[in-house]
Amino acid sequence: MATDLYTAVVTSTSGTARSDDGNLSLAVHEPTALKGTGEGTNPEQLMAAALGTCLLESLRIATSSTGGNVDDVSVETRVTLVEDDGPGYSARYALSVSLPSAEDADAVLQQALAICPFTKTVDPAVLEVTVAA
């Protein structure tokens, strides 16, 4: 049986998201492109931040285990909402990873993807992860 390591608790109410430890307190509204107010951040930006920073930390672990430099590692994440045939939306995720100091960027990326709990939970059919040129 797996051992729980950490649980994040965030309560979302109309227009806000707050963590139980007080470290996160954000105004959250739909973007104007989706007929929202555009005030504060939006769920798509939060998902992009969560997915990108989780992969970034996994890249740091993978890079440091190979003796590489982790100071110049970065991840650009795009979350695109897609209109479904039925009600609601679906999403696509595109992550572009920059590993300029890595000797074998593809190997580091594969190791990081094996570590990252968030990318492992996203359907591979809607997840594109590339190494930036």
C-alpha atoms as a PDB file:
ATOM      1  CA  MET A   1       0.000   0.000   0.000  1.00  0.00           C
ATOM      2  CA  ALA A   2       1.305   3.459  -0.931  1.00  0.00           C
ATOM      3  CA  THR A   3       2.113   5.927   1.825  1.00  0.00           C
ATOM      4  CA  ASP A   4       0.568   9.390   1.616  1.00  0.00           C
ATOM      5  CA  LEU A   5       3.335  12.014   1.562  1.00  0.00           C
ATOM      6  CA  TYR A   6       1.444  15.298   1.390  1.00  0.00           C
ATOM      7  CA  THR A   7      -2.083  16.569   0.806  1.00  0.00           C
ATOM      8  CA  ALA A   8      -2.780  20.065  -0.468  1.00  0.00           C
ATOM      9  CA  VAL A   9      -6.135  21.516   0.547  1.00  0.00           C
ATOM     10  CA  VAL A  10      -7.616  24.417  -1.419  1.00  0.00           C
ATOM     11  CA  THR A  11     -11.166  25.657  -1.026  1.00  0.00           C
ATOM     12  CA  SER A  12     -12.724  27.295  -4.051  1.00  0.00           C
ATOM     13  CA  THR A  13     -15.692  29.587  -3.649  1.00  0.00           C
ATOM     14  CA  SER A  14     -17.299  32.035  -6.038  1.00  0.00           C
ATOM     15  CA  GLY A  15     -14.341  34.041  -7.312  1.00  0.00           C
ATOM     16  CA  THR A  16     -11.634  32.800  -4.931  1.00  0.00           C
ATOM     17  CA  ALA A  17      -9.297  29.916  -4.189  1.00  0.00           C
ATOM     18  CA  ARG A  18      -7.605  29.677  -0.775  1.00  0.00           C
ATOM     19  CA  SER A  19      -5.273  27.089   0.696  1.00  0.00           C
ATOM     20  CA  ASP A  20      -5.742  25.875   4.245  1.00  0.00           C
ATOM     21  CA  ASP A  21      -2.232  27.048   5.201  1.00  0.00           C
ATOM     22  CA  GLY A  22      -2.834  30.580   3.910  1.00  0.00           C
ATOM     23  CA  ASN A  23      -0.011  30.480   1.352  1.00  0.00           C
ATOM     24  CA  LEU A  24      -2.422  30.686  -1.579  1.00  0.00           C
ATOM     25  CA  SER A  25      -5.216  33.206  -1.872  1.00  0.00           C
ATOM     26  CA  LEU A  26      -6.292  34.138  -5.373  1.00  0.00           C
ATOM     27  CA  ALA A  27      -9.109  35.833  -7.202  1.00  0.00           C
ATOM     28  CA  VAL A  28     -10.255  33.306  -9.814  1.00  0.00           C
ATOM     29  CA  HIS A  29     -12.585  34.088 -12.716  1.00  0.00           C
ATOM     30  CA  GLU A  30     -13.069  32.819 -16.231  1.00  0.00           C
ATOM     31  CA  PRO A  31     -11.043  34.639 -18.900  1.00  0.00           C
ATOM     32  CA  THR A  32     -12.793  37.212 -21.070  1.00  0.00           C
ATOM     33  CA  ALA A  33     -12.365  34.867 -24.074  1.00  0.00           C
ATOM     34  CA  LEU A  34     -14.859  32.571 -22.306  1.00  0.00           C
ATOM     35  CA  LYS A  35     -17.198  35.435 -21.401  1.00  0.00           C
ATOM     36  CA  GLY A  36     -15.783  35.777 -17.887  1.00  0.00           C
ATOM     37  CA  THR A  37     -14.681  38.925 -16.103  1.00  0.00           C
ATOM     38  CA  GLY A  38     -10.992  38.227 -16.671  1.00  0.00           C
ATOM     39  CA  GLU A  39     -10.258  39.531 -13.168  1.00  0.00           C
ATOM     40  CA  GLY A  40      -7.521  37.676 -11.346  1.00  0.00           C
ATOM     41  CA  THR A  41      -6.281  34.351 -12.624  1.00  0.00           C
ATOM     42  CA  ASN A  42      -8.363  31.588 -14.184  1.00  0.00           C
ATOM     43  CA  PRO A  43      -8.588  27.797 -13.872  1.00  0.00           C
ATOM     44  CA  GLU A  44      -6.638  27.266 -17.090  1.00  0.00           C
ATOM     45  CA  GLN A  45      -3.702  29.349 -15.820  1.00  0.00           C
ATOM     46  CA  LEU A  46      -3.791  27.490 -12.500  1.00  0.00           C
ATOM     47  CA  MET A  47      -3.692  24.141 -14.301  1.00  0.00           C
ATOM     48  CA  ALA A  48      -0.813  25.341 -16.481  1.00  0.00           C
ATOM     49  CA  ALA A  49       1.092  26.529 -13.404  1.00  0.00           C
ATOM     50  CA  ALA A  50       0.493  23.287 -11.515  1.00  0.00           C
ATOM     51  CA  LEU A  51       1.432  21.040 -14.428  1.00  0.00           C
ATOM     52  CA  GLY A  52       4.475  23.101 -15.416  1.00  0.00           C
ATOM     53  CA  THR A  53       5.908  23.513 -11.925  1.00  0.00           C
ATOM     54  CA  CYS A  54       5.395  19.832 -11.122  1.00  0.00           C
ATOM     55  CA  LEU A  55       7.315  18.823 -14.249  1.00  0.00           C
ATOM     56  CA  LEU A  56       9.945  21.482 -13.500  1.00  0.00           C
ATOM     57  CA  GLU A  57      10.631  20.006 -10.058  1.00  0.00           C
ATOM     58  CA  SER A  58      10.810  16.526 -11.593  1.00  0.00           C
ATOM     59  CA  LEU A  59      13.269  17.860 -14.202  1.00  0.00           C
ATOM     60  CA  ARG A  60      15.382  19.331 -11.398  1.00  0.00           C
ATOM     61  CA  ILE A  61      15.495  15.921  -9.695  1.00  0.00           C
ATOM     62  CA  ALA A  62      16.325  14.135 -12.953  1.00  0.00           C
ATOM     63  CA  THR A  63      18.950  16.713 -13.943  1.00  0.00           C
ATOM     64  CA  SER A  64      20.653  16.788 -10.554  1.00  0.00           C
ATOM     65  CA  SER A  65      20.826  12.975 -10.464  1.00  0.00           C
ATOM     66  CA  THR A  66      22.812  13.052 -13.715  1.00  0.00           C
ATOM     67  CA  GLY A  67      25.136  15.772 -12.445  1.00  0.00           C
ATOM     68  CA  GLY A  68      23.730  18.443 -14.731  1.00  0.00           C
ATOM     69  CA  ASN A  69      23.010  22.099 -14.092  1.00  0.00           C
ATOM     70  CA  VAL A  70      19.466  22.815 -12.896  1.00  0.00           C
ATOM     71  CA  ASP A  71      19.707  26.622 -12.869  1.00  0.00           C
ATOM     72  CA  ASP A  72      18.660  27.075 -16.485  1.00  0.00           C
ATOM     73  CA  VAL A  73      15.831  24.511 -16.660  1.00  0.00           C
ATOM     74  CA  SER A  74      12.400  25.885 -17.584  1.00  0.00           C
ATOM     75  CA  VAL A  75       8.975  24.684 -18.705  1.00  0.00           C
ATOM     76  CA  GLU A  76       6.438  26.639 -20.758  1.00  0.00           C
ATOM     77  CA  THR A  77       2.960  25.153 -20.386  1.00  0.00           C
ATOM     78  CA  ARG A  78      -0.079  25.793 -22.556  1.00  0.00           C
ATOM     79  CA  VAL A  79      -3.572  24.681 -21.586  1.00  0.00           C
ATOM     80  CA  THR A  80      -6.046  24.890 -24.456  1.00  0.00           C
ATOM     81  CA  LEU A  81      -9.762  24.443 -23.912  1.00  0.00           C
ATOM     82  CA  VAL A  82     -11.507  22.571 -26.694  1.00  0.00           C
ATOM     83  CA  GLU A  83     -15.226  22.594 -27.347  1.00  0.00           C
ATOM     84  CA  ASP A  84     -16.650  19.092 -26.910  1.00  0.00           C
ATOM     85  CA  ASP A  85     -19.300  17.503 -29.090  1.00  0.00           C
ATOM     86  CA  GLY A  86     -21.443  17.251 -25.959  1.00  0.00           C
ATOM     87  CA  PRO A  87     -21.761  19.614 -23.022  1.00  0.00           C
ATOM     88  CA  GLY A  88     -18.679  21.276 -21.558  1.00  0.00           C
ATOM     89  CA  TYR A  89     -15.087  21.398 -22.670  1.00  0.00           C
ATOM     90  CA  SER A  90     -12.036  19.207 -22.935  1.00  0.00           C
ATOM     91  CA  ALA A  91      -8.436  20.351 -22.604  1.00  0.00           C
ATOM     92  CA  ARG A  92      -5.140  19.810 -24.382  1.00  0.00           C
ATOM     93  CA  TYR A  93      -1.785  20.335 -22.694  1.00  0.00           C
ATOM     94  CA  ALA A  94       1.464  21.317 -24.412  1.00  0.00           C
ATOM     95  CA  LEU A  95       4.674  21.578 -22.404  1.00  0.00           C
ATOM     96  CA  SER A  96       7.904  22.860 -23.920  1.00  0.00           C
ATOM     97  CA  VAL A  97      10.942  21.995 -21.831  1.00  0.00           C
ATOM     98  CA  SER A  98      14.224  23.901 -21.992  1.00  0.00           C
ATOM     99  CA  LEU A  99      17.291  22.006 -20.788  1.00  0.00           C
ATOM    100  CA  PRO A 100      20.196  23.947 -22.320  1.00  0.00           C
ATOM    101  CA  SER A 101      22.903  22.464 -20.082  1.00  0.00           C
ATOM    102  CA  ALA A 102      21.757  18.844 -20.229  1.00  0.00           C
ATOM    103  CA  GLU A 103      24.046  16.443 -22.082  1.00  0.00           C
ATOM    104  CA  ASP A 104      21.074  14.257 -23.070  1.00  0.00           C
ATOM    105  CA  ALA A 105      17.918  16.375 -22.783  1.00  0.00           C
ATOM    106  CA  ASP A 106      15.634  13.605 -24.061  1.00  0.00           C
ATOM    107  CA  ALA A 107      16.879  11.140 -21.426  1.00  0.00           C
ATOM    108  CA  VAL A 108      16.449  13.725 -18.656  1.00  0.00           C
ATOM    109  CA  LEU A 109      12.928  14.493 -19.893  1.00  0.00           C
ATOM    110  CA  GLN A 110      11.961  10.814 -19.973  1.00  0.00           C
ATOM    111  CA  GLN A 111      13.243  10.364 -16.418  1.00  0.00           C
ATOM    112  CA  ALA A 112      11.337  13.454 -15.268  1.00  0.00           C
ATOM    113  CA  LEU A 113       8.116  12.249 -16.906  1.00  0.00           C
ATOM    114  CA  ALA A 114       8.486   8.961 -15.033  1.00  0.00           C
ATOM    115  CA  ILE A 115       8.779  10.937 -11.764  1.00  0.00           C
ATOM    116  CA  CYS A 116       6.144  13.677 -12.247  1.00  0.00           C
ATOM    117  CA  PRO A 117       2.837  12.689 -10.618  1.00  0.00           C
ATOM    118  CA  PHE A 118       0.822  15.313 -12.524  1.00  0.00           C
ATOM    119  CA  THR A 119       1.922  14.408 -16.046  1.00  0.00           C
ATOM    120  CA  LYS A 120       1.317  10.741 -15.195  1.00  0.00           C
ATOM    121  CA  THR A 121      -2.350  11.535 -14.487  1.00  0.00           C
ATOM    122  CA  VAL A 122      -3.008  13.379 -17.761  1.00  0.00           C
ATOM    123  CA  ASP A 123      -4.277  11.294 -20.667  1.00  0.00           C
ATOM    124  CA  PRO A 124      -1.336  10.895 -23.086  1.00  0.00           C
ATOM    125  CA  ALA A 125      -3.732  11.558 -25.992  1.00  0.00           C
ATOM    126  CA  VAL A 126      -4.051  15.204 -24.864  1.00  0.00           C
ATOM    127  CA  LEU A 127      -0.499  15.728 -23.524  1.00  0.00           C
ATOM    128  CA  GLU A 128       2.341  16.896 -25.742  1.00  0.00           C
ATOM    129  CA  VAL A 129       5.778  17.318 -24.133  1.00  0.00           C
ATOM    130  CA  THR A 130       8.702  18.494 -26.243  1.00  0.00           C
ATOM    131  CA  VAL A 131      12.258  19.672 -25.734  1.00  0.00           C
ATOM    132  CA  ALA A 132      12.649  23.271 -26.904  1.00  0.00           C
ATOM    133  CA  ALA A 133      15.080  23.749 -29.746  1.00  0.00           C
END
